[in-house]
Amino acid sequence: MSETLPTVLDIEASGFGRGSYPIEVGIARADGSCCAFLIQPLEEWTHWDPKAELLHGISRDRLIQEGYPVRQVAHWLNDELRERVRRTAIVGGTTIPGCRCSSIMRVCCRVFALRR
């Protein structure tokens, strides 16, 4: 029986815990290809932890200049994972990334369902 490799989802954040928001979303696909997008913060996303920036190396200024609108990233992520969630999806990091991912989806006003 051959095993299908999972799709791995990784989300970087502005900080740790409450108030943090997604700043980068990336996936590694089962075929070995990968893709990532920086996310432009919304006006109400103001929390920034310098300690988190030391870990991921992404500045808020870089997000503003090079990031993609959160709605665009949410649509991309939804499309990418639609077929892949039938297989195992592994989320990197702690339990907090689920919250960050839902932040992206709330902005997109779409349901992010992993129940298929």
C-alpha atoms as a PDB file:
ATOM      1  CA  MET A   1       0.000   0.000   0.000  1.00  0.00           C
ATOM      2  CA  SER A   2       1.495   3.350  -0.983  1.00  0.00           C
ATOM      3  CA  GLU A   3       1.262   6.268   1.379  1.00  0.00           C
ATOM      4  CA  THR A   4       0.356   9.749   0.201  1.00  0.00           C
ATOM      5  CA  LEU A   5       2.431  12.472   1.787  1.00  0.00           C
ATOM      6  CA  PRO A   6       0.472  15.149   3.630  1.00  0.00           C
ATOM      7  CA  THR A   7       0.211  18.793   2.731  1.00  0.00           C
ATOM      8  CA  VAL A   8       1.931  20.882   5.399  1.00  0.00           C
ATOM      9  CA  LEU A   9       0.519  24.280   6.324  1.00  0.00           C
ATOM     10  CA  ASP A  10       2.711  26.815   8.129  1.00  0.00           C
ATOM     11  CA  ILE A  11       1.527  30.156   9.480  1.00  0.00           C
ATOM     12  CA  GLU A  12       3.788  32.873  10.876  1.00  0.00           C
ATOM     13  CA  ALA A  13       2.248  35.413  13.228  1.00  0.00           C
ATOM     14  CA  SER A  14       2.740  38.939  14.516  1.00  0.00           C
ATOM     15  CA  GLY A  15       3.147  37.683  18.057  1.00  0.00           C
ATOM     16  CA  PHE A  16       2.300  34.987  20.539  1.00  0.00           C
ATOM     17  CA  GLY A  17      -1.246  34.416  21.787  1.00  0.00           C
ATOM     18  CA  ARG A  18      -4.132  36.856  21.938  1.00  0.00           C
ATOM     19  CA  GLY A  19      -4.122  39.771  19.560  1.00  0.00           C
ATOM     20  CA  SER A  20      -1.675  38.190  17.148  1.00  0.00           C
ATOM     21  CA  TYR A  21      -2.620  37.798  13.509  1.00  0.00           C
ATOM     22  CA  PRO A  22      -1.266  35.903  10.499  1.00  0.00           C
ATOM     23  CA  ILE A  23       1.571  37.584   8.621  1.00  0.00           C
ATOM     24  CA  GLU A  24       2.633  34.742   6.309  1.00  0.00           C
ATOM     25  CA  VAL A  25       0.966  31.572   5.100  1.00  0.00           C
ATOM     26  CA  GLY A  26       2.857  28.820   3.348  1.00  0.00           C
ATOM     27  CA  ILE A  27       2.235  25.272   2.222  1.00  0.00           C
ATOM     28  CA  ALA A  28       4.438  22.378   1.242  1.00  0.00           C
ATOM     29  CA  ARG A  29       2.600  20.065  -1.120  1.00  0.00           C
ATOM     30  CA  ALA A  30       2.910  16.288  -1.294  1.00  0.00           C
ATOM     31  CA  ASP A  31       4.736  16.596  -4.628  1.00  0.00           C
ATOM     32  CA  GLY A  32       7.513  18.599  -2.952  1.00  0.00           C
ATOM     33  CA  SER A  33       6.525  22.003  -4.328  1.00  0.00           C
ATOM     34  CA  CYS A  34       5.874  24.863  -1.940  1.00  0.00           C
ATOM     35  CA  CYS A  35       4.420  28.346  -1.941  1.00  0.00           C
ATOM     36  CA  ALA A  36       4.103  31.164   0.597  1.00  0.00           C
ATOM     37  CA  PHE A  37       2.498  34.594   0.774  1.00  0.00           C
ATOM     38  CA  LEU A  38       3.133  37.546   3.061  1.00  0.00           C
ATOM     39  CA  ILE A  39      -0.086  39.146   4.304  1.00  0.00           C
ATOM     40  CA  GLN A  40      -0.757  42.886   4.467  1.00  0.00           C
ATOM     41  CA  PRO A  41      -2.097  43.616   7.961  1.00  0.00           C
ATOM     42  CA  LEU A  42      -5.576  45.090   8.238  1.00  0.00           C
ATOM     43  CA  GLU A  43      -5.903  48.443  10.023  1.00  0.00           C
ATOM     44  CA  GLU A  44      -7.324  46.766  13.130  1.00  0.00           C
ATOM     45  CA  TRP A  45      -4.432  44.269  13.279  1.00  0.00           C
ATOM     46  CA  THR A  46      -2.085  46.340  15.415  1.00  0.00           C
ATOM     47  CA  HIS A  47      -0.426  43.835  17.761  1.00  0.00           C
ATOM     48  CA  TRP A  48       3.295  43.447  17.016  1.00  0.00           C
ATOM     49  CA  ASP A  49       5.754  41.515  19.164  1.00  0.00           C
ATOM     50  CA  PRO A  50       9.443  42.263  18.497  1.00  0.00           C
ATOM     51  CA  LYS A  51      10.334  38.829  19.911  1.00  0.00           C
ATOM     52  CA  ALA A  52       8.225  37.154  17.209  1.00  0.00           C
ATOM     53  CA  GLU A  53       9.924  39.299  14.570  1.00  0.00           C
ATOM     54  CA  LEU A  54      13.301  38.050  15.823  1.00  0.00           C
ATOM     55  CA  LEU A  55      12.098  34.482  15.194  1.00  0.00           C
ATOM     56  CA  HIS A  56      10.526  34.861  11.756  1.00  0.00           C
ATOM     57  CA  GLY A  57      12.602  37.787  10.492  1.00  0.00           C
ATOM     58  CA  ILE A  58       9.681  39.571   8.838  1.00  0.00           C
ATOM     59  CA  SER A  59       9.161  43.270   9.622  1.00  0.00           C
ATOM     60  CA  ARG A  60       5.782  44.988   9.673  1.00  0.00           C
ATOM     61  CA  ASP A  61       7.090  47.469   7.079  1.00  0.00           C
ATOM     62  CA  ARG A  62       7.916  44.563   4.757  1.00  0.00           C
ATOM     63  CA  LEU A  63       4.369  43.224   5.150  1.00  0.00           C
ATOM     64  CA  ILE A  64       2.910  46.585   4.225  1.00  0.00           C
ATOM     65  CA  GLN A  65       5.177  46.931   1.182  1.00  0.00           C
ATOM     66  CA  GLU A  66       5.313  43.335  -0.106  1.00  0.00           C
ATOM     67  CA  GLY A  67       2.289  41.604   1.406  1.00  0.00           C
ATOM     68  CA  TYR A  68      -0.848  40.518  -0.403  1.00  0.00           C
ATOM     69  CA  PRO A  69      -4.352  41.544   0.689  1.00  0.00           C
ATOM     70  CA  VAL A  70      -5.713  39.095   3.257  1.00  0.00           C
ATOM     71  CA  ARG A  71      -8.802  38.368   1.144  1.00  0.00           C
ATOM     72  CA  GLN A  72      -6.596  37.285  -1.776  1.00  0.00           C
ATOM     73  CA  VAL A  73      -4.511  35.024   0.489  1.00  0.00           C
ATOM     74  CA  ALA A  74      -7.664  33.532   2.017  1.00  0.00           C
ATOM     75  CA  HIS A  75      -9.071  32.675  -1.409  1.00  0.00           C
ATOM     76  CA  TRP A  76      -5.750  31.142  -2.468  1.00  0.00           C
ATOM     77  CA  LEU A  77      -5.537  29.085   0.727  1.00  0.00           C
ATOM     78  CA  ASN A  78      -9.119  27.910   0.414  1.00  0.00           C
ATOM     79  CA  ASP A  79      -8.534  26.843  -3.196  1.00  0.00           C
ATOM     80  CA  GLU A  80      -5.219  25.137  -2.376  1.00  0.00           C
ATOM     81  CA  LEU A  81      -6.590  23.126   0.503  1.00  0.00           C
ATOM     82  CA  ARG A  82     -10.005  22.268  -0.949  1.00  0.00           C
ATOM     83  CA  GLU A  83      -8.788  19.035  -2.521  1.00  0.00           C
ATOM     84  CA  ARG A  84      -5.860  18.433  -0.219  1.00  0.00           C
ATOM     85  CA  VAL A  85      -7.805  18.313   3.051  1.00  0.00           C
ATOM     86  CA  ARG A  86      -9.158  14.936   2.075  1.00  0.00           C
ATOM     87  CA  ARG A  87      -5.650  13.822   2.928  1.00  0.00           C
ATOM     88  CA  THR A  88      -3.940  14.670   6.188  1.00  0.00           C
ATOM     89  CA  ALA A  89      -3.054  18.333   6.586  1.00  0.00           C
ATOM     90  CA  ILE A  90      -0.356  19.075   9.145  1.00  0.00           C
ATOM     91  CA  VAL A  91      -0.208  22.527  10.667  1.00  0.00           C
ATOM     92  CA  GLY A  92       3.193  23.692  11.880  1.00  0.00           C
ATOM     93  CA  GLY A  93       3.606  25.413  15.223  1.00  0.00           C
ATOM     94  CA  THR A  94       1.430  25.337  18.314  1.00  0.00           C
ATOM     95  CA  THR A  95      -2.331  25.232  18.641  1.00  0.00           C
ATOM     96  CA  ILE A  96      -2.452  28.976  17.949  1.00  0.00           C
ATOM     97  CA  PRO A  97      -2.112  28.673  14.130  1.00  0.00           C
ATOM     98  CA  GLY A  98      -5.680  27.416  13.885  1.00  0.00           C
ATOM     99  CA  CYS A  99      -6.789  30.730  15.349  1.00  0.00           C
ATOM    100  CA  ARG A 100      -4.642  32.663  12.890  1.00  0.00           C
ATOM    101  CA  CYS A 101      -5.992  30.656   9.998  1.00  0.00           C
ATOM    102  CA  SER A 102      -9.556  31.335  11.092  1.00  0.00           C
ATOM    103  CA  SER A 103      -8.672  35.058  11.221  1.00  0.00           C
ATOM    104  CA  ILE A 104      -7.786  34.894   7.551  1.00  0.00           C
ATOM    105  CA  MET A 105     -11.000  33.061   6.708  1.00  0.00           C
ATOM    106  CA  ARG A 106     -13.223  35.397   8.738  1.00  0.00           C
ATOM    107  CA  VAL A 107     -11.921  38.310   6.694  1.00  0.00           C
ATOM    108  CA  CYS A 108     -12.689  36.382   3.530  1.00  0.00           C
ATOM    109  CA  CYS A 109     -16.232  35.696   4.819  1.00  0.00           C
ATOM    110  CA  ARG A 110     -15.949  32.055   3.777  1.00  0.00           C
ATOM    111  CA  VAL A 111     -16.203  28.923   5.840  1.00  0.00           C
ATOM    112  CA  PHE A 112     -12.888  27.131   6.227  1.00  0.00           C
ATOM    113  CA  ALA A 113     -14.104  23.567   6.674  1.00  0.00           C
ATOM    114  CA  LEU A 114     -11.675  20.711   7.227  1.00  0.00           C
ATOM    115  CA  ARG A 115     -14.377  18.125   7.726  1.00  0.00           C
ATOM    116  CA  ARG A 116     -14.421  16.428   4.312  1.00  0.00           C
END
